Amino acid sequence: MTHDPHCLFCKIAQGQIPSRKVYEDDQIYAFHDIHPWAPVHFLMIPKAHIPSLAQVEGQHEALLGRMMTLVPKLALQEGCNPYPEGGWRVVTNTGAEGGQEVHHLHIHVMGGPRPWFKG
C-alpha cells in the first residue's frame, strides 16, 4: 500500500492526525468532515494514496466497489433517513476545476433533513 508522507488524508488514515472515525478496515477509512455541509457529512478514503478519481485504474475496481457498497450502511449508521423519503448525496471532486482541495481520492457522503448549508 502506497502512502504520501505529505498527504493530509494519508496522515489521517494512519492515525497521525486525529479524526472522528466512522469506519475502518484494512483498505478503507471513513471519518466526519471537519466543516460539514449537511447534518450528516463524512468522507470515505482508500488507505492507499490515490491522488484523484482521474488516477483510478482497473486494479482499483474492487476497492471502489467496496467503498460504494459501504455508503448505504454507513449513511444510515450516521443518521441519514432511509430511502426513498430520506437519502444522501455522494460526491467526488476531481481536479482543480472539479473543486478538489485535498489530492487524495475521497468520497463525500452527505445527508439528513434539508435545507443543507451547501449543495
PDB file of N, CA and C in Angstrom:
ATOM      1  N   MET A   1       0.853  -1.183   0.000  1.00  0.00           N
ATOM      2  CA  MET A   1       0.000   0.000   0.000  1.00  0.00           C
ATOM      3  C   MET A   1       0.891   1.235   0.000  1.00  0.00           C
ATOM      4  N   THR A   2       0.617   2.156  -0.897  1.00  0.00           N
ATOM      5  CA  THR A   2       1.435   3.354  -1.003  1.00  0.00           C
ATOM      6  C   THR A   2       0.845   4.486  -0.170  1.00  0.00           C
ATOM      7  N   HIS A   3       1.736   5.297   0.376  1.00  0.00           N
ATOM      8  CA  HIS A   3       1.342   6.472   1.150  1.00  0.00           C
ATOM      9  C   HIS A   3       2.179   7.649   0.694  1.00  0.00           C
ATOM     10  N   ASP A   4       1.611   8.834   0.839  1.00  0.00           N
ATOM     11  CA  ASP A   4       2.364  10.055   0.574  1.00  0.00           C
ATOM     12  C   ASP A   4       2.612  10.702   1.938  1.00  0.00           C
ATOM     13  N   PRO A   5       3.865  10.820   2.366  1.00  0.00           N
ATOM     14  CA  PRO A   5       4.137  11.353   3.702  1.00  0.00           C
ATOM     15  C   PRO A   5       3.700  12.804   3.902  1.00  0.00           C
ATOM     16  N   HIS A   6       3.379  13.501   2.817  1.00  0.00           N
ATOM     17  CA  HIS A   6       2.947  14.889   2.912  1.00  0.00           C
ATOM     18  C   HIS A   6       1.434  15.042   2.772  1.00  0.00           C
ATOM     19  N   CYS A   7       0.724  13.945   2.544  1.00  0.00           N
ATOM     20  CA  CYS A   7      -0.710  13.995   2.276  1.00  0.00           C
ATOM     21  C   CYS A   7      -1.518  14.009   3.575  1.00  0.00           C
ATOM     22  N   LEU A   8      -2.384  15.000   3.699  1.00  0.00           N
ATOM     23  CA  LEU A   8      -3.246  15.140   4.875  1.00  0.00           C
ATOM     24  C   LEU A   8      -4.070  13.884   5.114  1.00  0.00           C
ATOM     25  N   PHE A   9      -4.705  13.346   4.076  1.00  0.00           N
ATOM     26  CA  PHE A   9      -5.574  12.188   4.264  1.00  0.00           C
ATOM     27  C   PHE A   9      -4.790  10.909   4.534  1.00  0.00           C
ATOM     28  N   CYS A  10      -3.585  10.771   3.996  1.00  0.00           N
ATOM     29  CA  CYS A  10      -2.735   9.631   4.357  1.00  0.00           C
ATOM     30  C   CYS A  10      -2.414   9.690   5.853  1.00  0.00           C
ATOM     31  N   LYS A  11      -2.102  10.891   6.345  1.00  0.00           N
ATOM     32  CA  LYS A  11      -1.796  11.058   7.773  1.00  0.00           C
ATOM     33  C   LYS A  11      -3.012  10.741   8.632  1.00  0.00           C
ATOM     34  N   ILE A  12      -4.206  11.139   8.197  1.00  0.00           N
ATOM     35  CA  ILE A  12      -5.428  10.821   8.937  1.00  0.00           C
ATOM     36  C   ILE A  12      -5.644   9.314   8.953  1.00  0.00           C
ATOM     37  N   ALA A  13      -5.518   8.660   7.803  1.00  0.00           N
ATOM     38  CA  ALA A  13      -5.735   7.209   7.715  1.00  0.00           C
ATOM     39  C   ALA A  13      -4.739   6.438   8.570  1.00  0.00           C
ATOM     40  N   GLN A  14      -3.538   6.969   8.740  1.00  0.00           N
ATOM     41  CA  GLN A  14      -2.512   6.302   9.543  1.00  0.00           C
ATOM     42  C   GLN A  14      -2.592   6.670  11.024  1.00  0.00           C
ATOM     43  N   GLY A  15      -3.535   7.543  11.392  1.00  0.00           N
ATOM     44  CA  GLY A  15      -3.691   7.934  12.789  1.00  0.00           C
ATOM     45  C   GLY A  15      -2.715   8.995  13.258  1.00  0.00           C
ATOM     46  N   GLN A  16      -1.983   9.622  12.332  1.00  0.00           N
ATOM     47  CA  GLN A  16      -1.035  10.675  12.699  1.00  0.00           C
ATOM     48  C   GLN A  16      -1.727  12.003  12.976  1.00  0.00           C
ATOM     49  N   ILE A  17      -2.922  12.178  12.411  1.00  0.00           N
ATOM     50  CA  ILE A  17      -3.740  13.364  12.644  1.00  0.00           C
ATOM     51  C   ILE A  17      -5.087  12.854  13.155  1.00  0.00           C
ATOM     52  N   PRO A  18      -5.580  13.396  14.266  1.00  0.00           N
ATOM     53  CA  PRO A  18      -6.838  12.899  14.822  1.00  0.00           C
ATOM     54  C   PRO A  18      -8.031  13.166  13.909  1.00  0.00           C
ATOM     55  N   SER A  19      -9.001  12.263  13.983  1.00  0.00           N
ATOM     56  CA  SER A  19     -10.254  12.409  13.243  1.00  0.00           C
ATOM     57  C   SER A  19     -11.348  11.698  14.025  1.00  0.00           C
ATOM     58  N   ARG A  20     -12.588  11.987  13.663  1.00  0.00           N
ATOM     59  CA  ARG A  20     -13.732  11.292  14.264  1.00  0.00           C
ATOM     60  C   ARG A  20     -14.112  10.149  13.330  1.00  0.00           C
ATOM     61  N   LYS A  21     -13.643   8.963  13.677  1.00  0.00           N
ATOM     62  CA  LYS A  21     -13.801   7.797  12.814  1.00  0.00           C
ATOM     63  C   LYS A  21     -15.251   7.363  12.699  1.00  0.00           C
ATOM     64  N   VAL A  22     -15.639   7.029  11.461  1.00  0.00           N
ATOM     65  CA  VAL A  22     -16.943   6.450  11.146  1.00  0.00           C
ATOM     66  C   VAL A  22     -16.773   4.949  10.894  1.00  0.00           C
ATOM     67  N   TYR A  23     -15.685   4.587  10.195  1.00  0.00           N
ATOM     68  CA  TYR A  23     -15.473   3.196   9.785  1.00  0.00           C
ATOM     69  C   TYR A  23     -14.010   3.005   9.427  1.00  0.00           C
ATOM     70  N   GLU A  24     -13.517   1.773   9.643  1.00  0.00           N
ATOM     71  CA  GLU A  24     -12.167   1.445   9.205  1.00  0.00           C
ATOM     72  C   GLU A  24     -12.064  -0.049   8.958  1.00  0.00           C
ATOM     73  N   ASP A  25     -11.384  -0.403   7.867  1.00  0.00           N
ATOM     74  CA  ASP A  25     -10.986  -1.781   7.617  1.00  0.00           C
ATOM     75  C   ASP A  25      -9.570  -1.734   7.052  1.00  0.00           C
ATOM     76  N   ASP A  26      -9.102  -2.812   6.475  1.00  0.00           N
ATOM     77  CA  ASP A  26      -7.716  -2.866   6.009  1.00  0.00           C
ATOM     78  C   ASP A  26      -7.441  -1.955   4.813  1.00  0.00           C
ATOM     79  N   GLN A  27      -8.470  -1.550   4.058  1.00  0.00           N
ATOM     80  CA  GLN A  27      -8.260  -0.735   2.861  1.00  0.00           C
ATOM     81  C   GLN A  27      -8.964   0.610   2.864  1.00  0.00           C
ATOM     82  N   ILE A  28      -9.919   0.804   3.760  1.00  0.00           N
ATOM     83  CA  ILE A  28     -10.798   1.982   3.714  1.00  0.00           C
ATOM     84  C   ILE A  28     -10.857   2.641   5.083  1.00  0.00           C
ATOM     85  N   TYR A  29     -10.902   3.958   5.075  1.00  0.00           N
ATOM     86  CA  TYR A  29     -11.087   4.729   6.304  1.00  0.00           C
ATOM     87  C   TYR A  29     -12.164   5.782   6.039  1.00  0.00           C
ATOM     88  N   ALA A  30     -13.112   5.918   6.949  1.00  0.00           N
ATOM     89  CA  ALA A  30     -14.169   6.932   6.831  1.00  0.00           C
ATOM     90  C   ALA A  30     -14.182   7.760   8.108  1.00  0.00           C
ATOM     91  N   PHE A  31     -14.388   9.063   7.946  1.00  0.00           N
ATOM     92  CA  PHE A  31     -14.350   9.972   9.089  1.00  0.00           C
ATOM     93  C   PHE A  31     -15.236  11.188   8.832  1.00  0.00           C
ATOM     94  N   HIS A  32     -15.668  11.824   9.917  1.00  0.00           N
ATOM     95  CA  HIS A  32     -16.532  13.002   9.812  1.00  0.00           C
ATOM     96  C   HIS A  32     -15.772  14.181   9.218  1.00  0.00           C
ATOM     97  N   ASP A  33     -16.461  14.925   8.360  1.00  0.00           N
ATOM     98  CA  ASP A  33     -15.894  16.139   7.783  1.00  0.00           C
ATOM     99  C   ASP A  33     -15.779  17.197   8.881  1.00  0.00           C
ATOM    100  N   ILE A  34     -14.661  17.931   8.911  1.00  0.00           N
ATOM    101  CA  ILE A  34     -14.494  18.949   9.957  1.00  0.00           C
ATOM    102  C   ILE A  34     -15.310  20.219   9.679  1.00  0.00           C
ATOM    103  N   HIS A  35     -15.776  20.391   8.449  1.00  0.00           N
ATOM    104  CA  HIS A  35     -16.637  21.519   8.086  1.00  0.00           C
ATOM    105  C   HIS A  35     -17.863  20.980   7.346  1.00  0.00           C
ATOM    106  N   PRO A  36     -18.787  20.340   8.081  1.00  0.00           N
ATOM    107  CA  PRO A  36     -19.911  19.669   7.409  1.00  0.00           C
ATOM    108  C   PRO A  36     -20.842  20.630   6.675  1.00  0.00           C
ATOM    109  N   TRP A  37     -21.328  20.170   5.526  1.00  0.00           N
ATOM    110  CA  TRP A  37     -22.287  20.914   4.722  1.00  0.00           C
ATOM    111  C   TRP A  37     -23.708  20.434   4.950  1.00  0.00           C
ATOM    112  N   ALA A  38     -23.867  19.339   5.673  1.00  0.00           N
ATOM    113  CA  ALA A  38     -25.179  18.727   5.888  1.00  0.00           C
ATOM    114  C   ALA A  38     -25.199  18.135   7.295  1.00  0.00           C
ATOM    115  N   PRO A  39     -26.382  17.814   7.817  1.00  0.00           N
ATOM    116  CA  PRO A  39     -26.451  17.208   9.155  1.00  0.00           C
ATOM    117  C   PRO A  39     -25.595  15.943   9.288  1.00  0.00           C
ATOM    118  N   VAL A  40     -25.507  15.153   8.229  1.00  0.00           N
ATOM    119  CA  VAL A  40     -24.591  14.019   8.168  1.00  0.00           C
ATOM    120  C   VAL A  40     -23.609  14.325   7.042  1.00  0.00           C
ATOM    121  N   HIS A  41     -22.320  14.316   7.351  1.00  0.00           N
ATOM    122  CA  HIS A  41     -21.301  14.580   6.329  1.00  0.00           C
ATOM    123  C   HIS A  41     -20.012  13.896   6.767  1.00  0.00           C
ATOM    124  N   PHE A  42     -19.682  12.836   6.048  1.00  0.00           N
ATOM    125  CA  PHE A  42     -18.422  12.160   6.316  1.00  0.00           C
ATOM    126  C   PHE A  42     -17.704  11.887   5.003  1.00  0.00           C
ATOM    127  N   LEU A  43     -16.411  11.604   5.127  1.00  0.00           N
ATOM    128  CA  LEU A  43     -15.570  11.302   3.976  1.00  0.00           C
ATOM    129  C   LEU A  43     -15.149   9.849   4.056  1.00  0.00           C
ATOM    130  N   MET A  44     -15.033   9.208   2.906  1.00  0.00           N
ATOM    131  CA  MET A  44     -14.523   7.851   2.825  1.00  0.00           C
ATOM    132  C   MET A  44     -13.319   7.884   1.887  1.00  0.00           C
ATOM    133  N   ILE A  45     -12.195   7.333   2.361  1.00  0.00           N
ATOM    134  CA  ILE A  45     -10.969   7.356   1.578  1.00  0.00           C
ATOM    135  C   ILE A  45     -10.355   5.958   1.506  1.00  0.00           C
ATOM    136  N   PRO A  46      -9.631   5.681   0.420  1.00  0.00           N
ATOM    137  CA  PRO A  46      -8.806   4.473   0.426  1.00  0.00           C
ATOM    138  C   PRO A  46      -7.574   4.761   1.286  1.00  0.00           C
ATOM    139  N   LYS A  47      -7.082   3.750   1.978  1.00  0.00           N
ATOM    140  CA  LYS A  47      -5.859   3.943   2.757  1.00  0.00           C
ATOM    141  C   LYS A  47      -4.652   4.102   1.839  1.00  0.00           C
ATOM    142  N   ALA A  48      -4.679   3.480   0.685  1.00  0.00           N
ATOM    143  CA  ALA A  48      -3.616   3.664  -0.304  1.00  0.00           C
ATOM    144  C   ALA A  48      -3.757   5.051  -0.916  1.00  0.00           C
ATOM    145  N   HIS A  49      -2.642   5.682  -1.181  1.00  0.00           N
ATOM    146  CA  HIS A  49      -2.678   7.025  -1.768  1.00  0.00           C
ATOM    147  C   HIS A  49      -2.980   6.950  -3.263  1.00  0.00           C
ATOM    148  N   ILE A  50      -4.180   7.390  -3.606  1.00  0.00           N
ATOM    149  CA  ILE A  50      -4.594   7.568  -4.997  1.00  0.00           C
ATOM    150  C   ILE A  50      -4.953   9.047  -5.093  1.00  0.00           C
ATOM    151  N   PRO A  51      -4.255   9.844  -5.911  1.00  0.00           N
ATOM    152  CA  PRO A  51      -4.469  11.290  -5.904  1.00  0.00           C
ATOM    153  C   PRO A  51      -5.899  11.738  -6.222  1.00  0.00           C
ATOM    154  N   SER A  52      -6.578  11.077  -7.155  1.00  0.00           N
ATOM    155  CA  SER A  52      -7.928  11.502  -7.510  1.00  0.00           C
ATOM    156  C   SER A  52      -8.612  10.402  -8.311  1.00  0.00           C
ATOM    157  N   LEU A  53      -9.864  10.620  -8.640  1.00  0.00           N
ATOM    158  CA  LEU A  53     -10.597   9.686  -9.484  1.00  0.00           C
ATOM    159  C   LEU A  53      -9.953   9.579 -10.866  1.00  0.00           C
ATOM    160  N   ALA A  54      -9.231  10.617 -11.287  1.00  0.00           N
ATOM    161  CA  ALA A  54      -8.557  10.605 -12.588  1.00  0.00           C
ATOM    162  C   ALA A  54      -7.440   9.560 -12.656  1.00  0.00           C
ATOM    163  N   GLN A  55      -6.915   9.135 -11.515  1.00  0.00           N
ATOM    164  CA  GLN A  55      -5.847   8.136 -11.488  1.00  0.00           C
ATOM    165  C   GLN A  55      -6.353   6.721 -11.214  1.00  0.00           C
ATOM    166  N   VAL A  56      -7.654   6.534 -11.112  1.00  0.00           N
ATOM    167  CA  VAL A  56      -8.215   5.208 -10.847  1.00  0.00           C
ATOM    168  C   VAL A  56      -8.037   4.332 -12.080  1.00  0.00           C
ATOM    169  N   GLU A  57      -7.616   3.099 -11.850  1.00  0.00           N
ATOM    170  CA  GLU A  57      -7.389   2.142 -12.925  1.00  0.00           C
ATOM    171  C   GLU A  57      -8.127   0.850 -12.607  1.00  0.00           C
ATOM    172  N   GLY A  58      -8.047  -0.106 -13.512  1.00  0.00           N
ATOM    173  CA  GLY A  58      -8.722  -1.377 -13.338  1.00  0.00           C
ATOM    174  C   GLY A  58      -8.397  -2.070 -12.030  1.00  0.00           C
ATOM    175  N   GLN A  59      -7.180  -1.914 -11.556  1.00  0.00           N
ATOM    176  CA  GLN A  59      -6.770  -2.544 -10.301  1.00  0.00           C
ATOM    177  C   GLN A  59      -7.534  -2.002  -9.101  1.00  0.00           C
ATOM    178  N   HIS A  60      -8.197  -0.856  -9.236  1.00  0.00           N
ATOM    179  CA  HIS A  60      -8.940  -0.244  -8.141  1.00  0.00           C
ATOM    180  C   HIS A  60     -10.430  -0.590  -8.155  1.00  0.00           C
ATOM    181  N   GLU A  61     -10.851  -1.369  -9.136  1.00  0.00           N
ATOM    182  CA  GLU A  61     -12.272  -1.668  -9.311  1.00  0.00           C
ATOM    183  C   GLU A  61     -12.904  -2.266  -8.058  1.00  0.00           C
ATOM    184  N   ALA A  62     -12.291  -3.268  -7.472  1.00  0.00           N
ATOM    185  CA  ALA A  62     -12.859  -3.914  -6.277  1.00  0.00           C
ATOM    186  C   ALA A  62     -12.895  -2.948  -5.095  1.00  0.00           C
ATOM    187  N   LEU A  63     -11.851  -2.143  -4.934  1.00  0.00           N
ATOM    188  CA  LEU A  63     -11.802  -1.170  -3.849  1.00  0.00           C
ATOM    189  C   LEU A  63     -12.943  -0.162  -3.962  1.00  0.00           C
ATOM    190  N   LEU A  64     -13.125   0.407  -5.150  1.00  0.00           N
ATOM    191  CA  LEU A  64     -14.198   1.391  -5.333  1.00  0.00           C
ATOM    192  C   LEU A  64     -15.566   0.742  -5.171  1.00  0.00           C
ATOM    193  N   GLY A  65     -15.705  -0.499  -5.614  1.00  0.00           N
ATOM    194  CA  GLY A  65     -16.952  -1.220  -5.402  1.00  0.00           C
ATOM    195  C   GLY A  65     -17.251  -1.396  -3.925  1.00  0.00           C
ATOM    196  N   ARG A  66     -16.233  -1.756  -3.142  1.00  0.00           N
ATOM    197  CA  ARG A  66     -16.413  -1.892  -1.691  1.00  0.00           C
ATOM    198  C   ARG A  66     -16.814  -0.570  -1.066  1.00  0.00           C
ATOM    199  N   MET A  67     -16.163   0.507  -1.502  1.00  0.00           N
ATOM    200  CA  MET A  67     -16.484   1.819  -0.943  1.00  0.00           C
ATOM    201  C   MET A  67     -17.945   2.170  -1.215  1.00  0.00           C
ATOM    202  N   MET A  68     -18.384   1.971  -2.459  1.00  0.00           N
ATOM    203  CA  MET A  68     -19.759   2.330  -2.811  1.00  0.00           C
ATOM    204  C   MET A  68     -20.784   1.444  -2.106  1.00  0.00           C
ATOM    205  N   THR A  69     -20.473   0.175  -1.889  1.00  0.00           N
ATOM    206  CA  THR A  69     -21.434  -0.680  -1.193  1.00  0.00           C
ATOM    207  C   THR A  69     -21.475  -0.390   0.302  1.00  0.00           C
ATOM    208  N   LEU A  70     -20.438   0.249   0.823  1.00  0.00           N
ATOM    209  CA  LEU A  70     -20.453   0.679   2.230  1.00  0.00           C
ATOM    210  C   LEU A  70     -21.287   1.934   2.446  1.00  0.00           C
ATOM    211  N   VAL A  71     -21.443   2.744   1.412  1.00  0.00           N
ATOM    212  CA  VAL A  71     -22.134   4.030   1.570  1.00  0.00           C
ATOM    213  C   VAL A  71     -23.512   3.879   2.228  1.00  0.00           C
ATOM    214  N   PRO A  72     -24.415   3.038   1.736  1.00  0.00           N
ATOM    215  CA  PRO A  72     -25.739   2.969   2.367  1.00  0.00           C
ATOM    216  C   PRO A  72     -25.678   2.555   3.841  1.00  0.00           C
ATOM    217  N   LYS A  73     -24.853   1.574   4.156  1.00  0.00           N
ATOM    218  CA  LYS A  73     -24.724   1.112   5.543  1.00  0.00           C
ATOM    219  C   LYS A  73     -24.243   2.241   6.447  1.00  0.00           C
ATOM    220  N   LEU A  74     -23.178   2.920   6.032  1.00  0.00           N
ATOM    221  CA  LEU A  74     -22.604   3.980   6.858  1.00  0.00           C
ATOM    222  C   LEU A  74     -23.507   5.210   6.912  1.00  0.00           C
ATOM    223  N   ALA A  75     -24.170   5.530   5.803  1.00  0.00           N
ATOM    224  CA  ALA A  75     -25.088   6.678   5.797  1.00  0.00           C
ATOM    225  C   ALA A  75     -26.203   6.465   6.816  1.00  0.00           C
ATOM    226  N   LEU A  76     -26.788   5.296   6.829  1.00  0.00           N
ATOM    227  CA  LEU A  76     -27.846   5.004   7.797  1.00  0.00           C
ATOM    228  C   LEU A  76     -27.285   4.977   9.214  1.00  0.00           C
ATOM    229  N   GLN A  77     -26.130   4.372   9.386  1.00  0.00           N
ATOM    230  CA  GLN A  77     -25.483   4.308  10.703  1.00  0.00           C
ATOM    231  C   GLN A  77     -25.255   5.706  11.276  1.00  0.00           C
ATOM    232  N   GLU A  78     -24.890   6.661  10.416  1.00  0.00           N
ATOM    233  CA  GLU A  78     -24.553   8.010  10.866  1.00  0.00           C
ATOM    234  C   GLU A  78     -25.767   8.932  10.984  1.00  0.00           C
ATOM    235  N   GLY A  79     -26.959   8.455  10.622  1.00  0.00           N
ATOM    236  CA  GLY A  79     -28.159   9.247  10.862  1.00  0.00           C
ATOM    237  C   GLY A  79     -28.956   9.675   9.659  1.00  0.00           C
ATOM    238  N   CYS A  80     -28.570   9.256   8.455  1.00  0.00           N
ATOM    239  CA  CYS A  80     -29.391   9.558   7.286  1.00  0.00           C
ATOM    240  C   CYS A  80     -30.689   8.755   7.377  1.00  0.00           C
ATOM    241  N   ASN A  81     -31.744   9.325   6.871  1.00  0.00           N
ATOM    242  CA  ASN A  81     -33.028   8.645   6.849  1.00  0.00           C
ATOM    243  C   ASN A  81     -33.077   7.689   5.659  1.00  0.00           C
ATOM    244  N   PRO A  82     -33.822   6.579   5.796  1.00  0.00           N
ATOM    245  CA  PRO A  82     -33.857   5.569   4.736  1.00  0.00           C
ATOM    246  C   PRO A  82     -34.511   6.060   3.450  1.00  0.00           C
ATOM    247  N   TYR A  83     -34.096   5.456   2.362  1.00  0.00           N
ATOM    248  CA  TYR A  83     -34.668   5.645   1.034  1.00  0.00           C
ATOM    249  C   TYR A  83     -36.083   5.069   1.030  1.00  0.00           C
ATOM    250  N   PRO A  84     -37.065   5.641   0.370  1.00  0.00           N
ATOM    251  CA  PRO A  84     -36.983   6.742  -0.598  1.00  0.00           C
ATOM    252  C   PRO A  84     -37.257   8.116  -0.009  1.00  0.00           C
ATOM    253  N   GLU A  85     -37.871   8.214   1.178  1.00  0.00           N
ATOM    254  CA  GLU A  85     -38.152   9.540   1.745  1.00  0.00           C
ATOM    255  C   GLU A  85     -36.888  10.239   2.198  1.00  0.00           C
ATOM    256  N   GLY A  86     -35.947   9.482   2.742  1.00  0.00           N
ATOM    257  CA  GLY A  86     -34.672  10.035   3.174  1.00  0.00           C
ATOM    258  C   GLY A  86     -33.689  10.012   2.031  1.00  0.00           C
ATOM    259  N   GLY A  87     -32.453   9.708   2.359  1.00  0.00           N
ATOM    260  CA  GLY A  87     -31.429   9.591   1.323  1.00  0.00           C
ATOM    261  C   GLY A  87     -30.169  10.334   1.669  1.00  0.00           C
ATOM    262  N   TRP A  88     -29.267  10.403   0.714  1.00  0.00           N
ATOM    263  CA  TRP A  88     -27.967  11.027   0.890  1.00  0.00           C
ATOM    264  C   TRP A  88     -27.400  11.348  -0.467  1.00  0.00           C
ATOM    265  N   ARG A  89     -26.363  12.139  -0.461  1.00  0.00           N
ATOM    266  CA  ARG A  89     -25.655  12.520  -1.688  1.00  0.00           C
ATOM    267  C   ARG A  89     -24.235  11.989  -1.593  1.00  0.00           C
ATOM    268  N   VAL A  90     -23.700  11.498  -2.714  1.00  0.00           N
ATOM    269  CA  VAL A  90     -22.324  11.025  -2.804  1.00  0.00           C
ATOM    270  C   VAL A  90     -21.620  11.911  -3.825  1.00  0.00           C
ATOM    271  N   VAL A  91     -20.517  12.552  -3.400  1.00  0.00           N
ATOM    272  CA  VAL A  91     -19.808  13.495  -4.261  1.00  0.00           C
ATOM    273  C   VAL A  91     -18.316  13.171  -4.238  1.00  0.00           C
ATOM    274  N   THR A  92     -17.710  13.148  -5.419  1.00  0.00           N
ATOM    275  CA  THR A  92     -16.267  13.012  -5.536  1.00  0.00           C
ATOM    276  C   THR A  92     -15.761  14.144  -6.424  1.00  0.00           C
ATOM    277  N   ASN A  93     -15.047  15.084  -5.836  1.00  0.00           N
ATOM    278  CA  ASN A  93     -14.462  16.186  -6.590  1.00  0.00           C
ATOM    279  C   ASN A  93     -13.143  15.711  -7.193  1.00  0.00           C
ATOM    280  N   THR A  94     -12.915  16.078  -8.461  1.00  0.00           N
ATOM    281  CA  THR A  94     -11.714  15.624  -9.154  1.00  0.00           C
ATOM    282  C   THR A  94     -11.019  16.799  -9.824  1.00  0.00           C
ATOM    283  N   GLY A  95      -9.797  17.074  -9.405  1.00  0.00           N
ATOM    284  CA  GLY A  95      -9.001  18.149 -10.005  1.00  0.00           C
ATOM    285  C   GLY A  95      -9.463  19.536  -9.580  1.00  0.00           C
ATOM    286  N   ALA A  96      -8.648  20.526  -9.948  1.00  0.00           N
ATOM    287  CA  ALA A  96      -8.919  21.914  -9.559  1.00  0.00           C
ATOM    288  C   ALA A  96     -10.275  22.397 -10.065  1.00  0.00           C
ATOM    289  N   GLU A  97     -10.589  22.126 -11.323  1.00  0.00           N
ATOM    290  CA  GLU A  97     -11.864  22.586 -11.875  1.00  0.00           C
ATOM    291  C   GLU A  97     -13.043  21.830 -11.293  1.00  0.00           C
ATOM    292  N   GLY A  98     -12.804  20.646 -10.750  1.00  0.00           N
ATOM    293  CA  GLY A  98     -13.851  19.865 -10.100  1.00  0.00           C
ATOM    294  C   GLY A  98     -14.007  20.191  -8.629  1.00  0.00           C
ATOM    295  N   GLY A  99     -13.189  21.109  -8.107  1.00  0.00           N
ATOM    296  CA  GLY A  99     -13.302  21.532  -6.719  1.00  0.00           C
ATOM    297  C   GLY A  99     -12.514  20.687  -5.733  1.00  0.00           C
ATOM    298  N   GLN A 100     -11.593  19.845  -6.210  1.00  0.00           N
ATOM    299  CA  GLN A 100     -10.810  19.007  -5.297  1.00  0.00           C
ATOM    300  C   GLN A 100      -9.787  19.860  -4.563  1.00  0.00           C
ATOM    301  N   GLU A 101      -9.795  19.782  -3.232  1.00  0.00           N
ATOM    302  CA  GLU A 101      -8.861  20.556  -2.414  1.00  0.00           C
ATOM    303  C   GLU A 101      -7.748  19.693  -1.841  1.00  0.00           C
ATOM    304  N   VAL A 102      -8.059  18.452  -1.475  1.00  0.00           N
ATOM    305  CA  VAL A 102      -7.048  17.524  -0.967  1.00  0.00           C
ATOM    306  C   VAL A 102      -6.839  16.468  -2.042  1.00  0.00           C
ATOM    307  N   HIS A 103      -5.607  16.328  -2.478  1.00  0.00           N
ATOM    308  CA  HIS A 103      -5.320  15.422  -3.593  1.00  0.00           C
ATOM    309  C   HIS A 103      -5.035  14.006  -3.114  1.00  0.00           C
ATOM    310  N   HIS A 104      -6.091  13.432  -2.557  1.00  0.00           N
ATOM    311  CA  HIS A 104      -6.180  12.021  -2.160  1.00  0.00           C
ATOM    312  C   HIS A 104      -7.633  11.670  -2.428  1.00  0.00           C
ATOM    313  N   LEU A 105      -7.878  10.658  -3.234  1.00  0.00           N
ATOM    314  CA  LEU A 105      -9.241  10.283  -3.592  1.00  0.00           C
ATOM    315  C   LEU A 105     -10.121  10.213  -2.351  1.00  0.00           C
ATOM    316  N   HIS A 106     -11.253  10.892  -2.386  1.00  0.00           N
ATOM    317  CA  HIS A 106     -12.190  10.834  -1.274  1.00  0.00           C
ATOM    318  C   HIS A 106     -13.617  11.023  -1.769  1.00  0.00           C
ATOM    319  N   ILE A 107     -14.511  10.352  -1.066  1.00  0.00           N
ATOM    320  CA  ILE A 107     -15.937  10.409  -1.369  1.00  0.00           C
ATOM    321  C   ILE A 107     -16.623  11.126  -0.211  1.00  0.00           C
ATOM    322  N   HIS A 108     -17.349  12.194  -0.523  1.00  0.00           N
ATOM    323  CA  HIS A 108     -18.179  12.862   0.478  1.00  0.00           C
ATOM    324  C   HIS A 108     -19.532  12.156   0.508  1.00  0.00           C
ATOM    325  N   VAL A 109     -20.019  11.835   1.697  1.00  0.00           N
ATOM    326  CA  VAL A 109     -21.370  11.308   1.868  1.00  0.00           C
ATOM    327  C   VAL A 109     -22.096  12.313   2.737  1.00  0.00           C
ATOM    328  N   MET A 110     -23.186  12.902   2.188  1.00  0.00           N
ATOM    329  CA  MET A 110     -23.925  13.955   2.884  1.00  0.00           C
ATOM    330  C   MET A 110     -25.411  13.616   2.883  1.00  0.00           C
ATOM    331  N   GLY A 111     -26.061  13.851   4.006  1.00  0.00           N
ATOM    332  CA  GLY A 111     -27.487  13.581   4.094  1.00  0.00           C
ATOM    333  C   GLY A 111     -28.090  14.217   5.318  1.00  0.00           C
ATOM    334  N   GLY A 112     -29.344  13.863   5.539  1.00  0.00           N
ATOM    335  CA  GLY A 112     -30.094  14.424   6.639  1.00  0.00           C
ATOM    336  C   GLY A 112     -31.133  15.404   6.121  1.00  0.00           C
ATOM    337  N   PRO A 113     -31.990  15.865   7.019  1.00  0.00           N
ATOM    338  CA  PRO A 113     -33.066  16.767   6.609  1.00  0.00           C
ATOM    339  C   PRO A 113     -32.541  18.023   5.920  1.00  0.00           C
ATOM    340  N   ARG A 114     -33.233  18.446   4.880  1.00  0.00           N
ATOM    341  CA  ARG A 114     -32.896  19.674   4.163  1.00  0.00           C
ATOM    342  C   ARG A 114     -33.592  20.859   4.820  1.00  0.00           C
ATOM    343  N   PRO A 115     -33.196  22.105   4.607  1.00  0.00           N
ATOM    344  CA  PRO A 115     -32.147  22.517   3.672  1.00  0.00           C
ATOM    345  C   PRO A 115     -30.767  22.360   4.278  1.00  0.00           C
ATOM    346  N   TRP A 116     -29.782  22.073   3.406  1.00  0.00           N
ATOM    347  CA  TRP A 116     -28.399  21.979   3.835  1.00  0.00           C
ATOM    348  C   TRP A 116     -27.730  23.308   3.636  1.00  0.00           C
ATOM    349  N   PHE A 117     -26.631  23.491   4.352  1.00  0.00           N
ATOM    350  CA  PHE A 117     -25.843  24.706   4.245  1.00  0.00           C
ATOM    351  C   PHE A 117     -25.375  24.918   2.809  1.00  0.00           C
ATOM    352  N   LYS A 118     -24.865  23.868   2.184  1.00  0.00           N
ATOM    353  CA  LYS A 118     -24.419  23.926   0.796  1.00  0.00           C
ATOM    354  C   LYS A 118     -24.930  22.689   0.084  1.00  0.00           C
ATOM    355  N   GLY A 119     -24.857  22.699  -1.239  1.00  0.00           N
ATOM    356  CA  GLY A 119     -25.206  21.520  -2.012  1.00  0.00           C
ATOM    357  C   GLY A 119     -26.611  21.540  -2.472  1.00  0.00           C
TER     358      GLY A 119
END
